[in-house]
Amino acid sequence: KSGDRGTGLGLFVVHRIVDNLKGTIEVTSTPGKGSCFTVCL
């Protein structure tokens, strides 16, 4: 994202929280079609 819209911390923090909760997070994505984040706890 452009500098005024993103810090690069959001998904990093998400990963850390899920890991601390003993869970997993996976992502699948296709350019032009979208993304899917799967969080399992």
Full PDB file with SEQRES, HELIX, SHEET, SSBOND, CRYST1, ORIGX, SCALE, CONECT and MASTER records, all heavy atoms in Angstrom:
SEQRES   1 A   41  LYS SER GLY ASP ARG GLY THR GLY LEU GLY LEU PHE VAL          
SEQRES   2 A   41  VAL HIS ARG ILE VAL ASP ASN LEU LYS GLY THR ILE GLU          
SEQRES   3 A   41  VAL THR SER THR PRO GLY LYS GLY SER CYS PHE THR VAL          
SEQRES   4 A   41  CYS LEU                                                      
HELIX    1 AA1 GLY A   10  ASN A   20  1                                  11    
SHEET    1 AA1 2 THR A  24  THR A  30  0                                        
SHEET    2 AA1 2 GLY A  34  CYS A  40 -1                                        
CRYST1    1.000    1.000    1.000  90.00  90.00  90.00 P 1           1          
ORIGX1      1.000000  0.000000  0.000000        0.00000                         
ORIGX2      0.000000  1.000000  0.000000        0.00000                         
ORIGX3      0.000000  0.000000  1.000000        0.00000                         
SCALE1      1.000000  0.000000  0.000000        0.00000                         
SCALE2      0.000000  1.000000  0.000000        0.00000                         
SCALE3      0.000000  0.000000  1.000000        0.00000                         
ATOM      1  N   LYS A   1       0.841  -1.195   0.000  1.00  0.00           N  
ATOM      2  CA  LYS A   1       0.000   0.000   0.000  1.00  0.00           C  
ATOM      3  C   LYS A   1       0.874   1.242   0.000  1.00  0.00           C  
ATOM      4  O   LYS A   1       2.036   1.208   0.391  1.00  0.00           O  
ATOM      5  CB  LYS A   1      -0.922   0.004   1.224  1.00  0.00           C  
ATOM      6  CG  LYS A   1      -1.816  -1.223   1.333  1.00  0.00           C  
ATOM      7  CD  LYS A   1      -2.583  -1.219   2.634  1.00  0.00           C  
ATOM      8  CE  LYS A   1      -3.377  -2.507   2.814  1.00  0.00           C  
ATOM      9  NZ  LYS A   1      -4.075  -2.567   4.123  1.00  0.00           N  
ATOM     10  N   SER A   2       0.283   2.357  -0.393  1.00  0.00           N  
ATOM     11  CA  SER A   2       1.008   3.619  -0.362  1.00  0.00           C  
ATOM     12  C   SER A   2       1.293   4.006   1.079  1.00  0.00           C  
ATOM     13  O   SER A   2       0.636   3.540   2.017  1.00  0.00           O  
ATOM     14  CB  SER A   2       0.195   4.718  -1.053  1.00  0.00           C  
ATOM     15  OG  SER A   2      -1.061   4.890  -0.412  1.00  0.00           O  
ATOM     16  N   GLY A   3       2.272   4.880   1.276  1.00  0.00           N  
ATOM     17  CA  GLY A   3       2.737   5.227   2.607  1.00  0.00           C  
ATOM     18  C   GLY A   3       1.667   5.761   3.532  1.00  0.00           C  
ATOM     19  O   GLY A   3       1.749   5.586   4.752  1.00  0.00           O  
ATOM     20  N   ASP A   4       0.657   6.449   2.976  1.00  0.00           N  
ATOM     21  CA  ASP A   4      -0.382   7.036   3.825  1.00  0.00           C  
ATOM     22  C   ASP A   4      -1.508   6.056   4.119  1.00  0.00           C  
ATOM     23  O   ASP A   4      -2.438   6.387   4.844  1.00  0.00           O  
ATOM     24  CB  ASP A   4      -0.956   8.300   3.170  1.00  0.00           C  
ATOM     25  CG  ASP A   4      -1.576   8.011   1.799  1.00  0.00           C  
ATOM     26  OD1 ASP A   4      -1.234   6.960   1.213  1.00  0.00           O  
ATOM     27  OD2 ASP A   4      -2.390   8.829   1.332  1.00  0.00           O  
ATOM     28  N   ARG A   5      -1.431   4.832   3.585  1.00  0.00           N  
ATOM     29  CA  ARG A   5      -2.528   3.873   3.782  1.00  0.00           C  
ATOM     30  C   ARG A   5      -2.099   2.602   4.507  1.00  0.00           C  
ATOM     31  O   ARG A   5      -2.937   1.844   4.974  1.00  0.00           O  
ATOM     32  CB  ARG A   5      -3.139   3.497   2.427  1.00  0.00           C  
ATOM     33  CG  ARG A   5      -3.846   4.639   1.741  1.00  0.00           C  
ATOM     34  CD  ARG A   5      -4.420   4.216   0.398  1.00  0.00           C  
ATOM     35  NE  ARG A   5      -5.361   3.115   0.539  1.00  0.00           N  
ATOM     36  CZ  ARG A   5      -5.222   1.936  -0.055  1.00  0.00           C  
ATOM     37  NH1 ARG A   5      -4.174   1.695  -0.805  1.00  0.00           N  
ATOM     38  NH2 ARG A   5      -6.124   0.996   0.100  1.00  0.00           N  
ATOM     39  N   GLY A   6      -0.812   2.353   4.594  1.00  0.00           N  
ATOM     40  CA  GLY A   6      -0.391   1.108   5.224  1.00  0.00           C  
ATOM     41  C   GLY A   6       0.950   1.237   5.918  1.00  0.00           C  
ATOM     42  O   GLY A   6       1.849   1.930   5.433  1.00  0.00           O  
ATOM     43  N   THR A   7       1.097   0.557   7.066  1.00  0.00           N  
ATOM     44  CA  THR A   7       2.353   0.567   7.817  1.00  0.00           C  
ATOM     45  C   THR A   7       3.115  -0.748   7.670  1.00  0.00           C  
ATOM     46  O   THR A   7       4.273  -0.833   8.052  1.00  0.00           O  
ATOM     47  CB  THR A   7       2.078   0.790   9.314  1.00  0.00           C  
ATOM     48  OG1 THR A   7       1.283  -0.305   9.809  1.00  0.00           O  
ATOM     49  CG2 THR A   7       1.346   2.102   9.534  1.00  0.00           C  
ATOM     50  N   GLY A   8       2.454  -1.789   7.169  1.00  0.00           N  
ATOM     51  CA  GLY A   8       3.097  -3.087   7.087  1.00  0.00           C  
ATOM     52  C   GLY A   8       3.106  -3.836   8.401  1.00  0.00           C  
ATOM     53  O   GLY A   8       3.866  -4.787   8.568  1.00  0.00           O  
ATOM     54  N   LEU A   9       2.249  -3.428   9.336  1.00  0.00           N  
ATOM     55  CA  LEU A   9       2.207  -4.076  10.646  1.00  0.00           C  
ATOM     56  C   LEU A   9       0.973  -4.949  10.841  1.00  0.00           C  
ATOM     57  O   LEU A   9       0.991  -5.869  11.661  1.00  0.00           O  
ATOM     58  CB  LEU A   9       2.234  -3.016  11.757  1.00  0.00           C  
ATOM     59  CG  LEU A   9       3.490  -2.155  11.841  1.00  0.00           C  
ATOM     60  CD1 LEU A   9       3.360  -1.164  12.992  1.00  0.00           C  
ATOM     61  CD2 LEU A   9       4.716  -3.006  12.017  1.00  0.00           C  
ATOM     62  N   GLY A  10      -0.106  -4.670  10.110  1.00  0.00           N  
ATOM     63  CA  GLY A  10      -1.368  -5.354  10.365  1.00  0.00           C  
ATOM     64  C   GLY A  10      -1.288  -6.865  10.303  1.00  0.00           C  
ATOM     65  O   GLY A  10      -1.629  -7.558  11.258  1.00  0.00           O  
ATOM     66  N   LEU A  11      -0.804  -7.399   9.193  1.00  0.00           N  
ATOM     67  CA  LEU A  11      -0.745  -8.855   9.036  1.00  0.00           C  
ATOM     68  C   LEU A  11       0.365  -9.468   9.880  1.00  0.00           C  
ATOM     69  O   LEU A  11       0.251 -10.616  10.320  1.00  0.00           O  
ATOM     70  CB  LEU A  11      -0.551  -9.213   7.556  1.00  0.00           C  
ATOM     71  CG  LEU A  11      -1.766  -8.916   6.669  1.00  0.00           C  
ATOM     72  CD1 LEU A  11      -1.460  -9.246   5.209  1.00  0.00           C  
ATOM     73  CD2 LEU A  11      -2.986  -9.691   7.133  1.00  0.00           C  
ATOM     74  N   PHE A  12       1.423  -8.707  10.124  1.00  0.00           N  
ATOM     75  CA  PHE A  12       2.469  -9.184  11.036  1.00  0.00           C  
ATOM     76  C   PHE A  12       1.875  -9.410  12.433  1.00  0.00           C  
ATOM     77  O   PHE A  12       2.115 -10.439  13.059  1.00  0.00           O  
ATOM     78  CB  PHE A  12       3.597  -8.155  11.100  1.00  0.00           C  
ATOM     79  CG  PHE A  12       4.582  -8.406  12.218  1.00  0.00           C  
ATOM     80  CD1 PHE A  12       5.534  -9.403  12.116  1.00  0.00           C  
ATOM     81  CD2 PHE A  12       4.535  -7.647  13.378  1.00  0.00           C  
ATOM     82  CE1 PHE A  12       6.437  -9.631  13.147  1.00  0.00           C  
ATOM     83  CE2 PHE A  12       5.435  -7.866  14.405  1.00  0.00           C  
ATOM     84  CZ  PHE A  12       6.387  -8.860  14.292  1.00  0.00           C  
ATOM     85  N   VAL A  13       1.084  -8.437  12.905  1.00  0.00           N  
ATOM     86  CA  VAL A  13       0.460  -8.556  14.224  1.00  0.00           C  
ATOM     87  C   VAL A  13      -0.549  -9.702  14.235  1.00  0.00           C  
ATOM     88  O   VAL A  13      -0.628 -10.473  15.200  1.00  0.00           O  
ATOM     89  CB  VAL A  13      -0.219  -7.226  14.612  1.00  0.00           C  
ATOM     90  CG1 VAL A  13      -1.085  -7.399  15.851  1.00  0.00           C  
ATOM     91  CG2 VAL A  13       0.832  -6.161  14.863  1.00  0.00           C  
ATOM     92  N   VAL A  14      -1.316  -9.850  13.169  1.00  0.00           N  
ATOM     93  CA  VAL A  14      -2.272 -10.951  13.068  1.00  0.00           C  
ATOM     94  C   VAL A  14      -1.556 -12.290  13.235  1.00  0.00           C  
ATOM     95  O   VAL A  14      -1.991 -13.172  13.984  1.00  0.00           O  
ATOM     96  CB  VAL A  14      -3.015 -10.906  11.714  1.00  0.00           C  
ATOM     97  CG1 VAL A  14      -3.699 -12.242  11.420  1.00  0.00           C  
ATOM     98  CG2 VAL A  14      -4.044  -9.790  11.719  1.00  0.00           C  
ATOM     99  N   HIS A  15      -0.448 -12.453  12.521  1.00  0.00           N  
ATOM    100  CA  HIS A  15       0.311 -13.712  12.589  1.00  0.00           C  
ATOM    101  C   HIS A  15       0.813 -13.964  14.003  1.00  0.00           C  
ATOM    102  O   HIS A  15       0.737 -15.094  14.508  1.00  0.00           O  
ATOM    103  CB  HIS A  15       1.477 -13.661  11.603  1.00  0.00           C  
ATOM    104  CG  HIS A  15       2.204 -14.962  11.449  1.00  0.00           C  
ATOM    105  ND1 HIS A  15       3.220 -15.354  12.310  1.00  0.00           N  
ATOM    106  CD2 HIS A  15       2.059 -15.987  10.563  1.00  0.00           C  
ATOM    107  CE1 HIS A  15       3.670 -16.533  11.954  1.00  0.00           C  
ATOM    108  NE2 HIS A  15       2.983 -16.948  10.900  1.00  0.00           N  
ATOM    109  N   ARG A  16       1.327 -12.927  14.664  1.00  0.00           N  
ATOM    110  CA  ARG A  16       1.838 -13.083  16.023  1.00  0.00           C  
ATOM    111  C   ARG A  16       0.722 -13.473  16.993  1.00  0.00           C  
ATOM    112  O   ARG A  16       0.901 -14.339  17.851  1.00  0.00           O  
ATOM    113  CB  ARG A  16       2.486 -11.779  16.496  1.00  0.00           C  
ATOM    114  CG  ARG A  16       3.732 -11.402  15.734  1.00  0.00           C  
ATOM    115  CD  ARG A  16       4.874 -12.336  15.993  1.00  0.00           C  
ATOM    116  NE  ARG A  16       5.267 -12.357  17.386  1.00  0.00           N  
ATOM    117  CZ  ARG A  16       6.211 -13.132  17.891  1.00  0.00           C  
ATOM    118  NH1 ARG A  16       6.836 -13.988  17.105  1.00  0.00           N  
ATOM    119  NH2 ARG A  16       6.524 -13.074  19.160  1.00  0.00           N  
ATOM    120  N   ILE A  17      -0.438 -12.834  16.861  1.00  0.00           N  
ATOM    121  CA  ILE A  17      -1.551 -13.128  17.768  1.00  0.00           C  
ATOM    122  C   ILE A  17      -2.024 -14.564  17.576  1.00  0.00           C  
ATOM    123  O   ILE A  17      -2.215 -15.310  18.548  1.00  0.00           O  
ATOM    124  CB  ILE A  17      -2.714 -12.144  17.539  1.00  0.00           C  
ATOM    125  CG1 ILE A  17      -2.320 -10.751  18.028  1.00  0.00           C  
ATOM    126  CG2 ILE A  17      -3.982 -12.616  18.258  1.00  0.00           C  
ATOM    127  CD1 ILE A  17      -3.370  -9.690  17.742  1.00  0.00           C  
ATOM    128  N   VAL A  18      -2.214 -14.972  16.329  1.00  0.00           N  
ATOM    129  CA  VAL A  18      -2.680 -16.337  16.052  1.00  0.00           C  
ATOM    130  C   VAL A  18      -1.680 -17.357  16.578  1.00  0.00           C  
ATOM    131  O   VAL A  18      -2.061 -18.380  17.161  1.00  0.00           O  
ATOM    132  CB  VAL A  18      -2.920 -16.532  14.539  1.00  0.00           C  
ATOM    133  CG1 VAL A  18      -3.228 -17.991  14.223  1.00  0.00           C  
ATOM    134  CG2 VAL A  18      -4.077 -15.652  14.072  1.00  0.00           C  
ATOM    135  N   ASP A  19      -0.401 -17.073  16.398  1.00  0.00           N  
ATOM    136  CA  ASP A  19       0.634 -17.982  16.901  1.00  0.00           C  
ATOM    137  C   ASP A  19       0.580 -18.060  18.426  1.00  0.00           C  
ATOM    138  O   ASP A  19       0.685 -19.144  19.006  1.00  0.00           O  
ATOM    139  CB  ASP A  19       2.008 -17.497  16.440  1.00  0.00           C  
ATOM    140  CG  ASP A  19       3.113 -18.485  16.785  1.00  0.00           C  
ATOM    141  OD1 ASP A  19       3.036 -19.636  16.330  1.00  0.00           O  
ATOM    142  OD2 ASP A  19       4.042 -18.107  17.513  1.00  0.00           O  
ATOM    143  N   ASN A  20       0.394 -16.921  19.094  1.00  0.00           N  
ATOM    144  CA  ASN A  20       0.301 -16.909  20.557  1.00  0.00           C  
ATOM    145  C   ASN A  20      -0.932 -17.661  21.053  1.00  0.00           C  
ATOM    146  O   ASN A  20      -0.935 -18.209  22.162  1.00  0.00           O  
ATOM    147  CB  ASN A  20       0.270 -15.471  21.075  1.00  0.00           C  
ATOM    148  CG  ASN A  20       1.602 -14.769  20.944  1.00  0.00           C  
ATOM    149  OD1 ASN A  20       2.648 -15.419  20.853  1.00  0.00           O  
ATOM    150  ND2 ASN A  20       1.590 -13.455  20.916  1.00  0.00           N  
ATOM    151  N   LEU A  21      -1.975 -17.690  20.254  1.00  0.00           N  
ATOM    152  CA  LEU A  21      -3.198 -18.411  20.612  1.00  0.00           C  
ATOM    153  C   LEU A  21      -3.115 -19.892  20.228  1.00  0.00           C  
ATOM    154  O   LEU A  21      -4.107 -20.606  20.289  1.00  0.00           O  
ATOM    155  CB  LEU A  21      -4.415 -17.771  19.936  1.00  0.00           C  
ATOM    156  CG  LEU A  21      -4.781 -16.364  20.417  1.00  0.00           C  
ATOM    157  CD1 LEU A  21      -5.926 -15.787  19.581  1.00  0.00           C  
ATOM    158  CD2 LEU A  21      -5.158 -16.357  21.889  1.00  0.00           C  
ATOM    159  N   LYS A  22      -1.924 -20.343  19.827  1.00  0.00           N  
ATOM    160  CA  LYS A  22      -1.680 -21.736  19.450  1.00  0.00           C  
ATOM    161  C   LYS A  22      -2.486 -22.142  18.211  1.00  0.00           C  
ATOM    162  O   LYS A  22      -2.845 -23.305  18.047  1.00  0.00           O  
ATOM    163  CB  LYS A  22      -2.011 -22.701  20.600  1.00  0.00           C  
ATOM    164  CG  LYS A  22      -1.338 -22.368  21.916  1.00  0.00           C  
ATOM    165  CD  LYS A  22       0.168 -22.407  21.802  1.00  0.00           C  
ATOM    166  CE  LYS A  22       0.830 -22.104  23.154  1.00  0.00           C  
ATOM    167  NZ  LYS A  22       2.292 -22.048  23.056  1.00  0.00           N  
ATOM    168  N   GLY A  23      -2.745 -21.159  17.353  1.00  0.00           N  
ATOM    169  CA  GLY A  23      -3.495 -21.439  16.140  1.00  0.00           C  
ATOM    170  C   GLY A  23      -2.614 -21.377  14.909  1.00  0.00           C  
ATOM    171  O   GLY A  23      -1.383 -21.289  14.990  1.00  0.00           O  
ATOM    172  N   THR A  24      -3.242 -21.435  13.742  1.00  0.00           N  
ATOM    173  CA  THR A  24      -2.527 -21.350  12.467  1.00  0.00           C  
ATOM    174  C   THR A  24      -3.240 -20.355  11.565  1.00  0.00           C  
ATOM    175  O   THR A  24      -4.444 -20.114  11.709  1.00  0.00           O  
ATOM    176  CB  THR A  24      -2.472 -22.715  11.758  1.00  0.00           C  
ATOM    177  OG1 THR A  24      -3.825 -23.149  11.451  1.00  0.00           O  
ATOM    178  CG2 THR A  24      -1.795 -23.761  12.628  1.00  0.00           C  
ATOM    179  N   ILE A  25      -2.495 -19.778  10.655  1.00  0.00           N  
ATOM    180  CA  ILE A  25      -3.088 -18.894   9.643  1.00  0.00           C  
ATOM    181  C   ILE A  25      -2.452 -19.210   8.303  1.00  0.00           C  
ATOM    182  O   ILE A  25      -1.228 -19.349   8.201  1.00  0.00           O  
ATOM    183  CB  ILE A  25      -2.913 -17.407  10.012  1.00  0.00           C  
ATOM    184  CG1 ILE A  25      -3.574 -16.514   8.944  1.00  0.00           C  
ATOM    185  CG2 ILE A  25      -1.446 -17.041  10.210  1.00  0.00           C  
ATOM    186  CD1 ILE A  25      -3.699 -15.072   9.346  1.00  0.00           C  
ATOM    187  N   GLU A  26      -3.291 -19.388   7.292  1.00  0.00           N  
ATOM    188  CA  GLU A  26      -2.834 -19.681   5.946  1.00  0.00           C  
ATOM    189  C   GLU A  26      -3.518 -18.733   4.975  1.00  0.00           C  
ATOM    190  O   GLU A  26      -4.613 -18.222   5.250  1.00  0.00           O  
ATOM    191  CB  GLU A  26      -3.162 -21.131   5.568  1.00  0.00           C  
ATOM    192  CG  GLU A  26      -2.468 -22.176   6.447  1.00  0.00           C  
ATOM    193  CD  GLU A  26      -2.874 -23.599   6.088  1.00  0.00           C  
ATOM    194  OE1 GLU A  26      -3.787 -23.743   5.244  1.00  0.00           O  
ATOM    195  OE2 GLU A  26      -2.286 -24.542   6.636  1.00  0.00           O  
ATOM    196  N   VAL A  27      -2.878 -18.508   3.847  1.00  0.00           N  
ATOM    197  CA  VAL A  27      -3.459 -17.621   2.846  1.00  0.00           C  
ATOM    198  C   VAL A  27      -3.294 -18.238   1.466  1.00  0.00           C  
ATOM    199  O   VAL A  27      -2.261 -18.806   1.138  1.00  0.00           O  
ATOM    200  CB  VAL A  27      -2.805 -16.224   2.899  1.00  0.00           C  
ATOM    201  CG1 VAL A  27      -1.302 -16.313   2.699  1.00  0.00           C  
ATOM    202  CG2 VAL A  27      -3.428 -15.296   1.870  1.00  0.00           C  
ATOM    203  N   THR A  28      -4.358 -18.172   0.691  1.00  0.00           N  
ATOM    204  CA  THR A  28      -4.308 -18.527  -0.729  1.00  0.00           C  
ATOM    205  C   THR A  28      -4.740 -17.301  -1.514  1.00  0.00           C  
ATOM    206  O   THR A  28      -5.590 -16.527  -1.055  1.00  0.00           O  
ATOM    207  CB  THR A  28      -5.242 -19.706  -1.052  1.00  0.00           C  
ATOM    208  OG1 THR A  28      -6.587 -19.374  -0.661  1.00  0.00           O  
ATOM    209  CG2 THR A  28      -4.805 -20.956  -0.299  1.00  0.00           C  
ATOM    210  N   SER A  29      -4.159 -17.101  -2.673  1.00  0.00           N  
ATOM    211  CA  SER A  29      -4.472 -15.897  -3.442  1.00  0.00           C  
ATOM    212  C   SER A  29      -4.144 -16.101  -4.905  1.00  0.00           C  
ATOM    213  O   SER A  29      -3.169 -16.796  -5.250  1.00  0.00           O  
ATOM    214  CB  SER A  29      -3.690 -14.703  -2.885  1.00  0.00           C  
ATOM    215  OG  SER A  29      -4.073 -13.504  -3.524  1.00  0.00           O  
ATOM    216  N   THR A  30      -4.956 -15.498  -5.749  1.00  0.00           N  
ATOM    217  CA  THR A  30      -4.738 -15.517  -7.199  1.00  0.00           C  
ATOM    218  C   THR A  30      -4.814 -14.086  -7.710  1.00  0.00           C  
ATOM    219  O   THR A  30      -5.811 -13.401  -7.454  1.00  0.00           O  
ATOM    220  CB  THR A  30      -5.802 -16.361  -7.921  1.00  0.00           C  
ATOM    221  OG1 THR A  30      -5.783 -17.689  -7.387  1.00  0.00           O  
ATOM    222  CG2 THR A  30      -5.532 -16.397  -9.415  1.00  0.00           C  
ATOM    223  N   PRO A  31      -3.777 -13.604  -8.371  1.00  0.00           N  
ATOM    224  CA  PRO A  31      -3.813 -12.241  -8.880  1.00  0.00           C  
ATOM    225  C   PRO A  31      -5.048 -11.978  -9.732  1.00  0.00           C  
ATOM    226  O   PRO A  31      -5.379 -12.764 -10.621  1.00  0.00           O  
ATOM    227  CB  PRO A  31      -2.518 -12.143  -9.714  1.00  0.00           C  
ATOM    228  CG  PRO A  31      -1.605 -13.153  -9.103  1.00  0.00           C  
ATOM    229  CD  PRO A  31      -2.497 -14.279  -8.670  1.00  0.00           C  
ATOM    230  N   GLY A  32      -5.739 -10.897  -9.425  1.00  0.00           N  
ATOM    231  CA  GLY A  32      -6.925 -10.517 -10.175  1.00  0.00           C  
ATOM    232  C   GLY A  32      -8.201 -11.197  -9.734  1.00  0.00           C  
ATOM    233  O   GLY A  32      -9.290 -10.842 -10.200  1.00  0.00           O  
ATOM    234  N   LYS A  33      -8.119 -12.190  -8.835  1.00  0.00           N  
ATOM    235  CA  LYS A  33      -9.321 -12.928  -8.440  1.00  0.00           C  
ATOM    236  C   LYS A  33      -9.618 -12.852  -6.943  1.00  0.00           C  
ATOM    237  O   LYS A  33     -10.733 -13.155  -6.528  1.00  0.00           O  
ATOM    238  CB  LYS A  33      -9.200 -14.389  -8.861  1.00  0.00           C  
ATOM    239  CG  LYS A  33      -9.179 -14.577 -10.372  1.00  0.00           C  
ATOM    240  CD  LYS A  33      -9.204 -16.055 -10.743  1.00  0.00           C  
ATOM    241  CE  LYS A  33      -9.230 -16.241 -12.258  1.00  0.00           C  
ATOM    242  NZ  LYS A  33      -9.261 -17.676 -12.634  1.00  0.00           N  
ATOM    243  N   GLY A  34      -8.656 -12.496  -6.124  1.00  0.00           N  
ATOM    244  CA  GLY A  34      -8.936 -12.353  -4.703  1.00  0.00           C  
ATOM    245  C   GLY A  34      -8.051 -13.204  -3.817  1.00  0.00           C  
ATOM    246  O   GLY A  34      -7.169 -13.937  -4.296  1.00  0.00           O  
ATOM    247  N   SER A  35      -8.305 -13.097  -2.516  1.00  0.00           N  
ATOM    248  CA  SER A  35      -7.511 -13.806  -1.514  1.00  0.00           C  
ATOM    249  C   SER A  35      -8.412 -14.430  -0.466  1.00  0.00           C  
ATOM    250  O   SER A  35      -9.551 -14.002  -0.271  1.00  0.00           O  
ATOM    251  CB  SER A  35      -6.527 -12.844  -0.823  1.00  0.00           C  
ATOM    252  OG  SER A  35      -5.692 -12.203  -1.759  1.00  0.00           O  
ATOM    253  N   CYS A  36      -7.880 -15.442   0.212  1.00  0.00           N  
ATOM    254  CA  CYS A  36      -8.618 -16.102   1.292  1.00  0.00           C  
ATOM    255  C   CYS A  36      -7.651 -16.378   2.441  1.00  0.00           C  
ATOM    256  O   CYS A  36      -6.663 -17.079   2.268  1.00  0.00           O  
ATOM    257  CB  CYS A  36      -9.254 -17.400   0.810  1.00  0.00           C  
ATOM    258  SG  CYS A  36     -10.166 -18.281   2.111  1.00  0.00           S  
ATOM    259  N   PHE A  37      -7.941 -15.782   3.613  1.00  0.00           N  
ATOM    260  CA  PHE A  37      -7.174 -16.026   4.827  1.00  0.00           C  
ATOM    261  C   PHE A  37      -7.947 -17.014   5.688  1.00  0.00           C  
ATOM    262  O   PHE A  37      -9.138 -16.810   5.954  1.00  0.00           O  
ATOM    263  CB  PHE A  37      -6.947 -14.733   5.602  1.00  0.00           C  
ATOM    264  CG  PHE A  37      -5.948 -13.809   4.978  1.00  0.00           C  
ATOM    265  CD1 PHE A  37      -6.309 -12.962   3.944  1.00  0.00           C  
ATOM    266  CD2 PHE A  37      -4.639 -13.787   5.424  1.00  0.00           C  
ATOM    267  CE1 PHE A  37      -5.391 -12.109   3.362  1.00  0.00           C  
ATOM    268  CE2 PHE A  37      -3.704 -12.940   4.845  1.00  0.00           C  
ATOM    269  CZ  PHE A  37      -4.081 -12.095   3.812  1.00  0.00           C  
ATOM    270  N   THR A  38      -7.276 -18.080   6.124  1.00  0.00           N  
ATOM    271  CA  THR A  38      -7.901 -19.093   6.970  1.00  0.00           C  
ATOM    272  C   THR A  38      -7.207 -19.114   8.324  1.00  0.00           C  
ATOM    273  O   THR A  38      -6.009 -19.406   8.404  1.00  0.00           O  
ATOM    274  CB  THR A  38      -7.823 -20.488   6.328  1.00  0.00           C  
ATOM    275  OG1 THR A  38      -8.458 -20.451   5.038  1.00  0.00           O  
ATOM    276  CG2 THR A  38      -8.525 -21.513   7.203  1.00  0.00           C  
ATOM    277  N   VAL A  39      -7.953 -18.791   9.369  1.00  0.00           N  
ATOM    278  CA  VAL A  39      -7.437 -18.795  10.740  1.00  0.00           C  
ATOM    279  C   VAL A  39      -8.076 -19.961  11.484  1.00  0.00           C  
ATOM    280  O   VAL A  39      -9.306 -20.061  11.544  1.00  0.00           O  
ATOM    281  CB  VAL A  39      -7.770 -17.478  11.467  1.00  0.00           C  
ATOM    282  CG1 VAL A  39      -7.315 -17.547  12.928  1.00  0.00           C  
ATOM    283  CG2 VAL A  39      -7.125 -16.301  10.758  1.00  0.00           C  
ATOM    284  N   CYS A  40      -7.256 -20.856  12.017  1.00  0.00           N  
ATOM    285  CA  CYS A  40      -7.754 -21.998  12.784  1.00  0.00           C  
ATOM    286  C   CYS A  40      -7.258 -21.899  14.221  1.00  0.00           C  
ATOM    287  O   CYS A  40      -6.060 -21.686  14.454  1.00  0.00           O  
ATOM    288  CB  CYS A  40      -7.282 -23.315  12.155  1.00  0.00           C  
ATOM    289  SG  CYS A  40      -7.996 -23.658  10.519  1.00  0.00           S  
ATOM    290  N   LEU A  41      -8.188 -22.069  15.162  1.00  0.00           N  
ATOM    291  CA  LEU A  41      -7.876 -21.967  16.587  1.00  0.00           C  
ATOM    292  C   LEU A  41      -8.243 -23.264  17.290  1.00  0.00           C  
ATOM    293  O   LEU A  41      -9.207 -23.932  16.888  1.00  0.00           O  
ATOM    294  CB  LEU A  41      -8.648 -20.805  17.219  1.00  0.00           C  
ATOM    295  CG  LEU A  41      -8.376 -19.413  16.640  1.00  0.00           C  
ATOM    296  CD1 LEU A  41      -9.365 -18.409  17.203  1.00  0.00           C  
ATOM    297  CD2 LEU A  41      -6.948 -18.984  16.931  1.00  0.00           C  
TER     298      LEU A  41                                                      
MASTER        0    0    0    1    2    0    0    6  297    1    0    4          
END                                                                             
